[in-house]
C-alpha atoms as a PDB file:
ATOM      1  CA  UNK A   1      21.559  13.290  27.833  1.00  0.00           C
ATOM      2  CA  UNK A   2      21.704   9.498  27.480  1.00  0.00           C
ATOM      3  CA  UNK A   3      17.979   9.218  28.191  1.00  0.00           C
ATOM      4  CA  UNK A   4      17.163  11.657  25.384  1.00  0.00           C
ATOM      5  CA  UNK A   5      19.479   9.805  23.011  1.00  0.00           C
ATOM      6  CA  UNK A   6      17.839   6.460  23.898  1.00  0.00           C
ATOM      7  CA  UNK A   7      14.414   7.975  23.267  1.00  0.00           C
ATOM      8  CA  UNK A   8      15.581   9.129  19.836  1.00  0.00           C
ATOM      9  CA  UNK A   9      17.071   5.688  19.133  1.00  0.00           C
ATOM     10  CA  UNK A  10      13.822   3.913  20.068  1.00  0.00           C
ATOM     11  CA  UNK A  11      11.736   6.321  18.003  1.00  0.00           C
ATOM     12  CA  UNK A  12      14.112   6.022  15.041  1.00  0.00           C
ATOM     13  CA  UNK A  13      13.958   2.220  15.122  1.00  0.00           C
ATOM     14  CA  UNK A  14      10.154   2.343  15.320  1.00  0.00           C
ATOM     15  CA  UNK A  15      10.062   4.762  12.370  1.00  0.00           C
ATOM     16  CA  UNK A  16      12.422   2.656  10.247  1.00  0.00           C
ATOM     17  CA  UNK A  17      10.489  -0.532  11.047  1.00  0.00           C
ATOM     18  CA  UNK A  18       7.243   1.181  10.106  1.00  0.00           C
ATOM     19  CA  UNK A  19       8.793   2.491   6.893  1.00  0.00           C
ATOM     20  CA  UNK A  20       9.896  -1.042   6.019  1.00  0.00           C
ATOM     21  CA  UNK A  21       6.400  -2.365   6.685  1.00  0.00           C
ATOM     22  CA  UNK A  22       4.783   0.353   4.584  1.00  0.00           C
ATOM     23  CA  UNK A  23       7.273  -0.311   1.796  1.00  0.00           C
ATOM     24  CA  UNK A  24       6.436  -4.029   1.846  1.00  0.00           C
ATOM     25  CA  UNK A  25       2.673  -3.583   1.898  1.00  0.00           C
ATOM     26  CA  UNK A  26       2.046  -0.463  -0.171  1.00  0.00           C
ATOM     27  CA  UNK A  27       4.782  -0.445  -2.804  1.00  0.00           C
ATOM     28  CA  UNK A  28       3.396  -3.333  -4.901  1.00  0.00           C
ATOM     29  CA  UNK A  29       0.009  -1.616  -5.071  1.00  0.00           C
ATOM     30  CA  UNK A  30       1.528   1.755  -5.968  1.00  0.00           C
ATOM     31  CA  UNK A  31       3.717   0.194  -8.673  1.00  0.00           C
ATOM     32  CA  UNK A  32       0.664  -1.422 -10.239  1.00  0.00           C
ATOM     33  CA  UNK A  33      -1.342   1.801 -10.141  1.00  0.00           C
ATOM     34  CA  UNK A  34       1.533   4.124 -11.062  1.00  0.00           C
ATOM     35  CA  UNK A  35       4.029   2.125 -13.137  1.00  0.00           C
ATOM     36  CA  UNK A  36       6.114   5.221 -13.830  1.00  0.00           C
ATOM     37  CA  UNK A  37       7.395   4.951 -10.249  1.00  0.00           C
ATOM     38  CA  UNK A  38       9.345   1.863 -11.274  1.00  0.00           C
ATOM     39  CA  UNK A  39      11.827   4.265 -12.838  1.00  0.00           C
ATOM     40  CA  UNK A  40      12.670   5.523  -9.341  1.00  0.00           C
ATOM     41  CA  UNK A  41      15.153   2.789  -8.566  1.00  0.00           C
ATOM     42  CA  UNK A  42      15.417   3.334  -4.817  1.00  0.00           C
ATOM     43  CA  UNK A  43      11.798   2.378  -4.184  1.00  0.00           C
ATOM     44  CA  UNK A  44      11.545  -0.639  -6.447  1.00  0.00           C
ATOM     45  CA  UNK A  45      15.010  -1.998  -5.690  1.00  0.00           C
ATOM     46  CA  UNK A  46      15.241  -4.966  -3.314  1.00  0.00           C
ATOM     47  CA  UNK A  47      18.290  -3.350  -1.758  1.00  0.00           C
ATOM     48  CA  UNK A  48      15.963  -0.785  -0.173  1.00  0.00           C
ATOM     49  CA  UNK A  49      15.153  -3.392   2.513  1.00  0.00           C
ATOM     50  CA  UNK A  50      18.836  -4.029   3.081  1.00  0.00           C
ATOM     51  CA  UNK A  51      19.563  -0.319   3.511  1.00  0.00           C
ATOM     52  CA  UNK A  52      16.685   0.017   5.980  1.00  0.00           C
ATOM     53  CA  UNK A  53      18.077  -2.970   7.824  1.00  0.00           C
ATOM     54  CA  UNK A  54      21.531  -1.393   7.995  1.00  0.00           C
ATOM     55  CA  UNK A  55      19.855   1.590   9.629  1.00  0.00           C
ATOM     56  CA  UNK A  56      17.607  -0.234  12.055  1.00  0.00           C
ATOM     57  CA  UNK A  57      20.008  -2.936  13.319  1.00  0.00           C
ATOM     58  CA  UNK A  58      22.640  -0.764  15.019  1.00  0.00           C
ATOM     59  CA  UNK A  59      20.037   1.667  16.344  1.00  0.00           C
ATOM     60  CA  UNK A  60      17.913  -1.194  17.685  1.00  0.00           C
ATOM     61  CA  UNK A  61      20.826  -3.007  19.255  1.00  0.00           C
ATOM     62  CA  UNK A  62      22.064   0.135  20.982  1.00  0.00           C
ATOM     63  CA  UNK A  63      18.634   1.191  22.259  1.00  0.00           C
ATOM     64  CA  UNK A  64      17.589  -2.251  23.482  1.00  0.00           C
ATOM     65  CA  UNK A  65      20.885  -3.166  25.147  1.00  0.00           C
ATOM     66  CA  UNK A  66      21.128   0.255  26.817  1.00  0.00           C
ATOM     67  CA  UNK A  67      17.482   0.032  27.834  1.00  0.00           C
ATOM     68  CA  UNK A  68      18.028  -3.413  29.306  1.00  0.00           C
ATOM     69  CA  UNK A  69      20.697  -2.041  31.660  1.00  0.00           C
ATOM     70  CA  UNK A  70      18.025   0.327  33.003  1.00  0.00           C
ATOM     71  CA  UNK A  71      14.929  -1.861  33.237  1.00  0.00           C
ATOM     72  CA  UNK A  72      16.337  -5.455  33.155  1.00  0.00           C
ATOM     73  CA  UNK A  73      13.356  -6.634  31.089  1.00  0.00           C
ATOM     74  CA  UNK A  74      14.415  -9.703  29.078  1.00  0.00           C
ATOM     75  CA  UNK A  75      11.129  -9.753  27.170  1.00  0.00           C
ATOM     76  CA  UNK A  76      12.080  -6.504  25.442  1.00  0.00           C
ATOM     77  CA  UNK A  77      15.422  -7.951  24.367  1.00  0.00           C
ATOM     78  CA  UNK A  78      13.828 -11.223  23.244  1.00  0.00           C
ATOM     79  CA  UNK A  79      10.995  -9.712  21.195  1.00  0.00           C
ATOM     80  CA  UNK A  80      13.236  -7.133  19.508  1.00  0.00           C
ATOM     81  CA  UNK A  81      15.926  -9.731  18.775  1.00  0.00           C
ATOM     82  CA  UNK A  82      13.328 -12.044  17.237  1.00  0.00           C
ATOM     83  CA  UNK A  83      12.135  -9.228  14.989  1.00  0.00           C
ATOM     84  CA  UNK A  84      15.646  -8.298  13.933  1.00  0.00           C
ATOM     85  CA  UNK A  85      16.489 -11.950  13.251  1.00  0.00           C
ATOM     86  CA  UNK A  86      13.430 -12.326  11.038  1.00  0.00           C
ATOM     87  CA  UNK A  87      14.351  -9.156   9.136  1.00  0.00           C
ATOM     88  CA  UNK A  88      17.897 -10.435   8.628  1.00  0.00           C
ATOM     89  CA  UNK A  89      16.642 -13.784   7.342  1.00  0.00           C
ATOM     90  CA  UNK A  90      14.243 -12.115   4.941  1.00  0.00           C
ATOM     91  CA  UNK A  91      16.865  -9.654   3.707  1.00  0.00           C
ATOM     92  CA  UNK A  92      19.379 -12.341   2.859  1.00  0.00           C
ATOM     93  CA  UNK A  93      17.172 -15.318   1.947  1.00  0.00           C
ATOM     94  CA  UNK A  94      14.081 -13.457   0.700  1.00  0.00           C
ATOM     95  CA  UNK A  95      12.488 -14.788  -2.476  1.00  0.00           C
ATOM     96  CA  UNK A  96      14.558 -17.963  -2.565  1.00  0.00           C
ATOM     97  CA  UNK A  97      13.192 -19.326   0.704  1.00  0.00           C
ATOM     98  CA  UNK A  98       9.945 -17.492   1.399  1.00  0.00           C
ATOM     99  CA  UNK A  99       8.626 -16.588  -2.060  1.00  0.00           C
ATOM    100  CA  UNK A 100       7.011 -13.225  -2.806  1.00  0.00           C
ATOM    101  CA  UNK A 101       4.097 -13.488  -0.385  1.00  0.00           C
ATOM    102  CA  UNK A 102       6.159 -15.088   2.353  1.00  0.00           C
ATOM    103  CA  UNK A 103       8.833 -12.438   2.044  1.00  0.00           C
ATOM    104  CA  UNK A 104       6.276  -9.672   2.550  1.00  0.00           C
ATOM    105  CA  UNK A 105       4.557 -11.498   5.413  1.00  0.00           C
ATOM    106  CA  UNK A 106       7.816 -12.238   7.222  1.00  0.00           C
ATOM    107  CA  UNK A 107       9.051  -8.665   6.720  1.00  0.00           C
ATOM    108  CA  UNK A 108       5.838  -7.311   8.214  1.00  0.00           C
ATOM    109  CA  UNK A 109       6.047  -9.706  11.178  1.00  0.00           C
ATOM    110  CA  UNK A 110       9.694  -8.792  11.797  1.00  0.00           C
ATOM    111  CA  UNK A 111       8.958  -5.076  11.544  1.00  0.00           C
ATOM    112  CA  UNK A 112       6.034  -5.336  13.949  1.00  0.00           C
ATOM    113  CA  UNK A 113       8.163  -7.244  16.472  1.00  0.00           C
ATOM    114  CA  UNK A 114      10.973  -4.679  16.266  1.00  0.00           C
ATOM    115  CA  UNK A 115       8.571  -1.750  16.626  1.00  0.00           C
ATOM    116  CA  UNK A 116       6.714  -3.450  19.491  1.00  0.00           C
ATOM    117  CA  UNK A 117      10.006  -4.231  21.246  1.00  0.00           C
ATOM    118  CA  UNK A 118      11.046  -0.597  21.041  1.00  0.00           C
ATOM    119  CA  UNK A 119       7.680   0.608  22.287  1.00  0.00           C
ATOM    120  CA  UNK A 120       8.042  -1.738  25.282  1.00  0.00           C
ATOM    121  CA  UNK A 121      11.659  -0.604  25.764  1.00  0.00           C
ATOM    122  CA  UNK A 122      10.604   3.045  25.736  1.00  0.00           C
ATOM    123  CA  UNK A 123       7.716   2.428  28.159  1.00  0.00           C
ATOM    124  CA  UNK A 124       9.841   0.287  30.494  1.00  0.00           C
ATOM    125  CA  UNK A 125      12.518   2.973  30.723  1.00  0.00           C
ATOM    126  CA  UNK A 126       9.876   5.654  31.239  1.00  0.00           C
ATOM    127  CA  UNK A 127       8.116   3.653  33.965  1.00  0.00           C
ATOM    128  CA  UNK A 128      11.395   2.985  35.749  1.00  0.00           C
ATOM    129  CA  UNK A 129      12.386   6.654  35.663  1.00  0.00           C
ATOM    130  CA  UNK A 130       8.985   7.632  37.135  1.00  0.00           C
ATOM    131  CA  UNK A 131       9.473   5.188  40.013  1.00  0.00           C
ATOM    132  CA  UNK A 132      12.837   6.732  40.939  1.00  0.00           C
END
């Protein structure tokens, strides 16, 4: 039961991180090509990143900490924590510190690190369960 829930948590965090990355990279292009989408506030609102973050942080923390108790791989914890820290910095400092381009670049880097950490977490748990 716990294993299935951890798998769902890892996959959910990967999905949310990917969604954040797609939002950062594709939304500006879509808004230029289809300006009527700017009327859909949820997609053009900066708070969209914050809401994604509120979703990914607890899921990530739960999955990575629980995974660590199974596989004892500090690299997974480190890489995922780095990604989450970057996403937090970008969400709260954003334009003011990084500028438009920096904000997108840092968001993408953070999202990639979180997704990669969860992929490693998932694989480490799977490998450990195959050994036992």
